[in-house]
N, C-alpha and C. Protein backbone atom coordinates (compact mmCIF):
# COMPACT_ATOMS: atom_id res chain seq x y z
N MET A 1 -2.48 8.45 -9.31
CA MET A 1 -2.95 7.08 -9.13
C MET A 1 -1.75 6.16 -8.95
N PHE A 2 -1.94 5.18 -8.10
CA PHE A 2 -0.89 4.19 -7.88
C PHE A 2 -1.51 2.91 -7.36
N THR A 3 -0.71 1.84 -7.39
CA THR A 3 -1.15 0.52 -6.93
C THR A 3 -0.14 0.00 -5.93
N ILE A 4 -0.65 -0.56 -4.85
CA ILE A 4 0.19 -1.26 -3.89
C ILE A 4 -0.11 -2.74 -4.05
N GLN A 5 0.93 -3.54 -4.31
CA GLN A 5 0.74 -4.98 -4.44
C GLN A 5 1.41 -5.65 -3.24
N VAL A 6 0.66 -6.53 -2.57
CA VAL A 6 1.11 -7.15 -1.34
C VAL A 6 1.26 -8.66 -1.54
N PHE A 7 2.42 -9.19 -1.11
CA PHE A 7 2.70 -10.62 -1.18
C PHE A 7 3.01 -11.15 0.21
N GLU A 8 2.65 -12.40 0.44
CA GLU A 8 3.03 -13.10 1.67
C GLU A 8 4.49 -13.52 1.52
N ARG A 9 5.33 -13.12 2.45
CA ARG A 9 6.76 -13.43 2.37
C ARG A 9 7.01 -14.95 2.42
N SER A 10 6.26 -15.65 3.25
CA SER A 10 6.51 -17.09 3.46
C SER A 10 6.15 -17.95 2.25
N THR A 11 5.13 -17.53 1.50
CA THR A 11 4.67 -18.35 0.36
C THR A 11 4.97 -17.72 -0.99
N GLY A 12 5.19 -16.41 -1.01
CA GLY A 12 5.38 -15.71 -2.28
C GLY A 12 4.08 -15.47 -3.03
N ARG A 13 2.97 -15.79 -2.40
CA ARG A 13 1.66 -15.62 -3.05
C ARG A 13 1.06 -14.26 -2.73
N PRO A 14 0.18 -13.78 -3.61
CA PRO A 14 -0.51 -12.51 -3.32
C PRO A 14 -1.32 -12.61 -2.04
N ALA A 15 -1.31 -11.54 -1.27
CA ALA A 15 -2.07 -11.49 0.00
C ALA A 15 -3.46 -10.96 -0.30
N TYR A 16 -4.48 -11.76 -0.01
CA TYR A 16 -5.87 -11.42 -0.32
C TYR A 16 -6.55 -10.77 0.88
N TYR A 17 -7.32 -9.73 0.60
CA TYR A 17 -8.16 -9.00 1.56
C TYR A 17 -7.37 -8.47 2.75
N LYS A 18 -6.28 -7.80 2.45
CA LYS A 18 -5.49 -7.10 3.47
C LYS A 18 -5.79 -5.61 3.37
N LYS A 19 -5.95 -4.97 4.53
CA LYS A 19 -6.24 -3.53 4.55
C LYS A 19 -4.95 -2.76 4.29
N VAL A 20 -4.99 -1.86 3.30
CA VAL A 20 -3.83 -1.07 2.92
C VAL A 20 -4.21 0.41 2.99
N SER A 21 -3.33 1.21 3.58
CA SER A 21 -3.53 2.66 3.59
C SER A 21 -2.18 3.33 3.42
N VAL A 22 -2.22 4.61 3.09
CA VAL A 22 -1.00 5.38 2.87
C VAL A 22 -1.08 6.66 3.67
N GLY A 23 -0.04 6.92 4.44
CA GLY A 23 0.11 8.18 5.15
C GLY A 23 1.08 9.05 4.38
N PHE A 24 0.59 10.14 3.84
CA PHE A 24 1.43 11.01 3.01
C PHE A 24 2.19 12.02 3.85
N LYS A 25 3.39 12.33 3.41
CA LYS A 25 4.16 13.39 4.04
C LYS A 25 3.74 14.71 3.40
N GLY A 26 3.76 15.74 4.16
CA GLY A 26 3.34 17.04 3.65
C GLY A 26 2.27 17.62 4.54
N LEU A 27 2.19 18.91 4.54
CA LEU A 27 1.33 19.63 5.46
C LEU A 27 -0.16 19.29 5.32
N PHE A 28 -0.64 19.12 4.10
CA PHE A 28 -2.09 18.96 3.91
C PHE A 28 -2.49 17.61 3.33
N ARG A 29 -1.58 16.64 3.24
CA ARG A 29 -1.90 15.38 2.57
C ARG A 29 -2.67 14.40 3.45
N GLY A 30 -2.22 14.14 4.65
CA GLY A 30 -2.93 13.21 5.53
C GLY A 30 -2.86 11.78 5.06
N PHE A 31 -3.94 11.02 5.31
CA PHE A 31 -4.00 9.60 4.96
C PHE A 31 -4.98 9.36 3.81
N SER A 32 -4.70 8.30 3.07
CA SER A 32 -5.62 7.86 2.03
C SER A 32 -6.80 7.14 2.68
N LYS A 33 -7.81 6.86 1.89
CA LYS A 33 -8.88 5.97 2.34
C LYS A 33 -8.33 4.56 2.34
N ASP A 34 -8.80 3.74 3.26
CA ASP A 34 -8.38 2.34 3.30
C ASP A 34 -8.87 1.63 2.04
N GLN A 35 -8.02 0.77 1.51
CA GLN A 35 -8.37 -0.10 0.39
C GLN A 35 -8.03 -1.52 0.81
N TYR A 36 -8.67 -2.50 0.19
CA TYR A 36 -8.39 -3.91 0.48
C TYR A 36 -7.84 -4.58 -0.76
N THR A 37 -6.86 -5.47 -0.56
CA THR A 37 -6.25 -6.14 -1.70
C THR A 37 -7.24 -7.11 -2.34
N ASP A 38 -7.10 -7.25 -3.65
CA ASP A 38 -7.93 -8.20 -4.40
C ASP A 38 -7.19 -9.55 -4.47
N ARG A 39 -7.66 -10.45 -5.28
CA ARG A 39 -7.06 -11.79 -5.37
C ARG A 39 -5.63 -11.76 -5.92
N ASN A 40 -5.28 -10.68 -6.60
CA ASN A 40 -3.91 -10.52 -7.10
C ASN A 40 -3.02 -9.80 -6.09
N GLY A 41 -3.56 -9.51 -4.91
CA GLY A 41 -2.80 -8.80 -3.90
C GLY A 41 -2.70 -7.31 -4.15
N GLU A 42 -3.51 -6.78 -5.05
CA GLU A 42 -3.42 -5.37 -5.44
C GLU A 42 -4.49 -4.51 -4.77
N ALA A 43 -4.04 -3.34 -4.32
CA ALA A 43 -4.95 -2.31 -3.81
C ALA A 43 -4.71 -1.07 -4.66
N HIS A 44 -5.76 -0.54 -5.26
CA HIS A 44 -5.65 0.59 -6.18
C HIS A 44 -6.09 1.88 -5.50
N PHE A 45 -5.30 2.92 -5.69
CA PHE A 45 -5.57 4.22 -5.07
C PHE A 45 -5.69 5.29 -6.15
N SER A 46 -6.62 6.23 -5.93
CA SER A 46 -6.82 7.32 -6.90
C SER A 46 -6.12 8.60 -6.45
N GLU A 47 -5.49 8.58 -5.27
CA GLU A 47 -4.79 9.76 -4.78
C GLU A 47 -3.57 10.07 -5.65
N ASP A 48 -3.09 11.30 -5.57
CA ASP A 48 -1.90 11.70 -6.30
C ASP A 48 -0.66 11.05 -5.70
N ASN A 49 0.35 10.87 -6.54
CA ASN A 49 1.63 10.33 -6.10
C ASN A 49 2.27 11.26 -5.08
N GLY A 50 3.22 10.74 -4.32
CA GLY A 50 3.92 11.57 -3.36
C GLY A 50 4.79 10.75 -2.43
N GLU A 51 5.37 11.41 -1.45
CA GLU A 51 6.19 10.75 -0.43
C GLU A 51 5.28 10.30 0.70
N GLY A 52 5.57 9.11 1.24
CA GLY A 52 4.75 8.65 2.34
C GLY A 52 5.11 7.27 2.82
N THR A 53 4.23 6.72 3.64
CA THR A 53 4.41 5.40 4.23
C THR A 53 3.21 4.53 3.89
N VAL A 54 3.48 3.30 3.45
CA VAL A 54 2.44 2.32 3.16
C VAL A 54 2.24 1.46 4.40
N TYR A 55 0.98 1.34 4.81
CA TYR A 55 0.61 0.50 5.95
C TYR A 55 -0.24 -0.66 5.45
N VAL A 56 0.10 -1.87 5.92
CA VAL A 56 -0.70 -3.06 5.62
C VAL A 56 -1.15 -3.63 6.96
N GLN A 57 -2.46 -3.73 7.14
CA GLN A 57 -3.04 -4.19 8.40
C GLN A 57 -2.54 -3.33 9.56
N GLY A 58 -2.32 -2.03 9.29
CA GLY A 58 -1.91 -1.09 10.33
C GLY A 58 -0.42 -1.07 10.62
N LYS A 59 0.35 -1.90 9.96
CA LYS A 59 1.80 -1.98 10.20
C LYS A 59 2.55 -1.31 9.05
N PRO A 60 3.51 -0.41 9.34
CA PRO A 60 4.27 0.23 8.27
C PRO A 60 5.13 -0.79 7.53
N GLU A 61 5.01 -0.80 6.20
CA GLU A 61 5.73 -1.78 5.38
C GLU A 61 6.64 -1.15 4.34
N TYR A 62 6.44 0.12 4.03
CA TYR A 62 7.26 0.80 3.01
C TYR A 62 7.26 2.28 3.31
N ASP A 63 8.40 2.91 3.12
CA ASP A 63 8.51 4.35 3.30
C ASP A 63 9.31 4.92 2.15
N GLY A 64 8.77 5.93 1.48
CA GLY A 64 9.48 6.53 0.35
C GLY A 64 8.52 7.09 -0.67
N ARG A 65 9.00 7.18 -1.91
CA ARG A 65 8.21 7.71 -3.02
C ARG A 65 7.13 6.71 -3.40
N ILE A 66 5.91 7.20 -3.50
CA ILE A 66 4.77 6.34 -3.83
C ILE A 66 4.22 6.79 -5.18
N GLU A 67 4.44 5.94 -6.18
CA GLU A 67 3.94 6.20 -7.53
C GLU A 67 3.98 4.90 -8.31
N GLY A 68 3.16 4.81 -9.34
CA GLY A 68 3.13 3.60 -10.17
C GLY A 68 2.68 2.39 -9.38
N ARG A 69 3.59 1.42 -9.26
CA ARG A 69 3.29 0.19 -8.52
C ARG A 69 4.37 0.01 -7.45
N ILE A 70 3.92 -0.18 -6.22
CA ILE A 70 4.81 -0.48 -5.11
C ILE A 70 4.52 -1.91 -4.67
N VAL A 71 5.55 -2.72 -4.57
CA VAL A 71 5.39 -4.11 -4.14
C VAL A 71 5.95 -4.23 -2.73
N VAL A 72 5.15 -4.81 -1.82
CA VAL A 72 5.60 -5.04 -0.45
C VAL A 72 5.37 -6.50 -0.08
N TYR A 73 6.23 -6.99 0.79
CA TYR A 73 6.13 -8.35 1.31
C TYR A 73 5.85 -8.28 2.78
N ILE A 74 4.87 -9.08 3.21
CA ILE A 74 4.48 -9.07 4.63
C ILE A 74 4.72 -10.45 5.24
N ASP A 75 4.88 -10.47 6.56
CA ASP A 75 5.08 -11.75 7.27
C ASP A 75 3.76 -12.39 7.57
């Protein structure tokens, strides 16, 4: 389980209702189900931790180890 928290870079405020997905590295991992951020900018995932890329609104925003809480800033 992990959480992706998304903030608007220009305002520093949480980004509400943004589509977030994760593409995992590895032969059989694939993509997570899409989640949408809540009023705190958080999208919660039940998938196992691992290496991958975080996409917000279809745009890659983070690449690396995905576990715990990942914070990303979007334009």
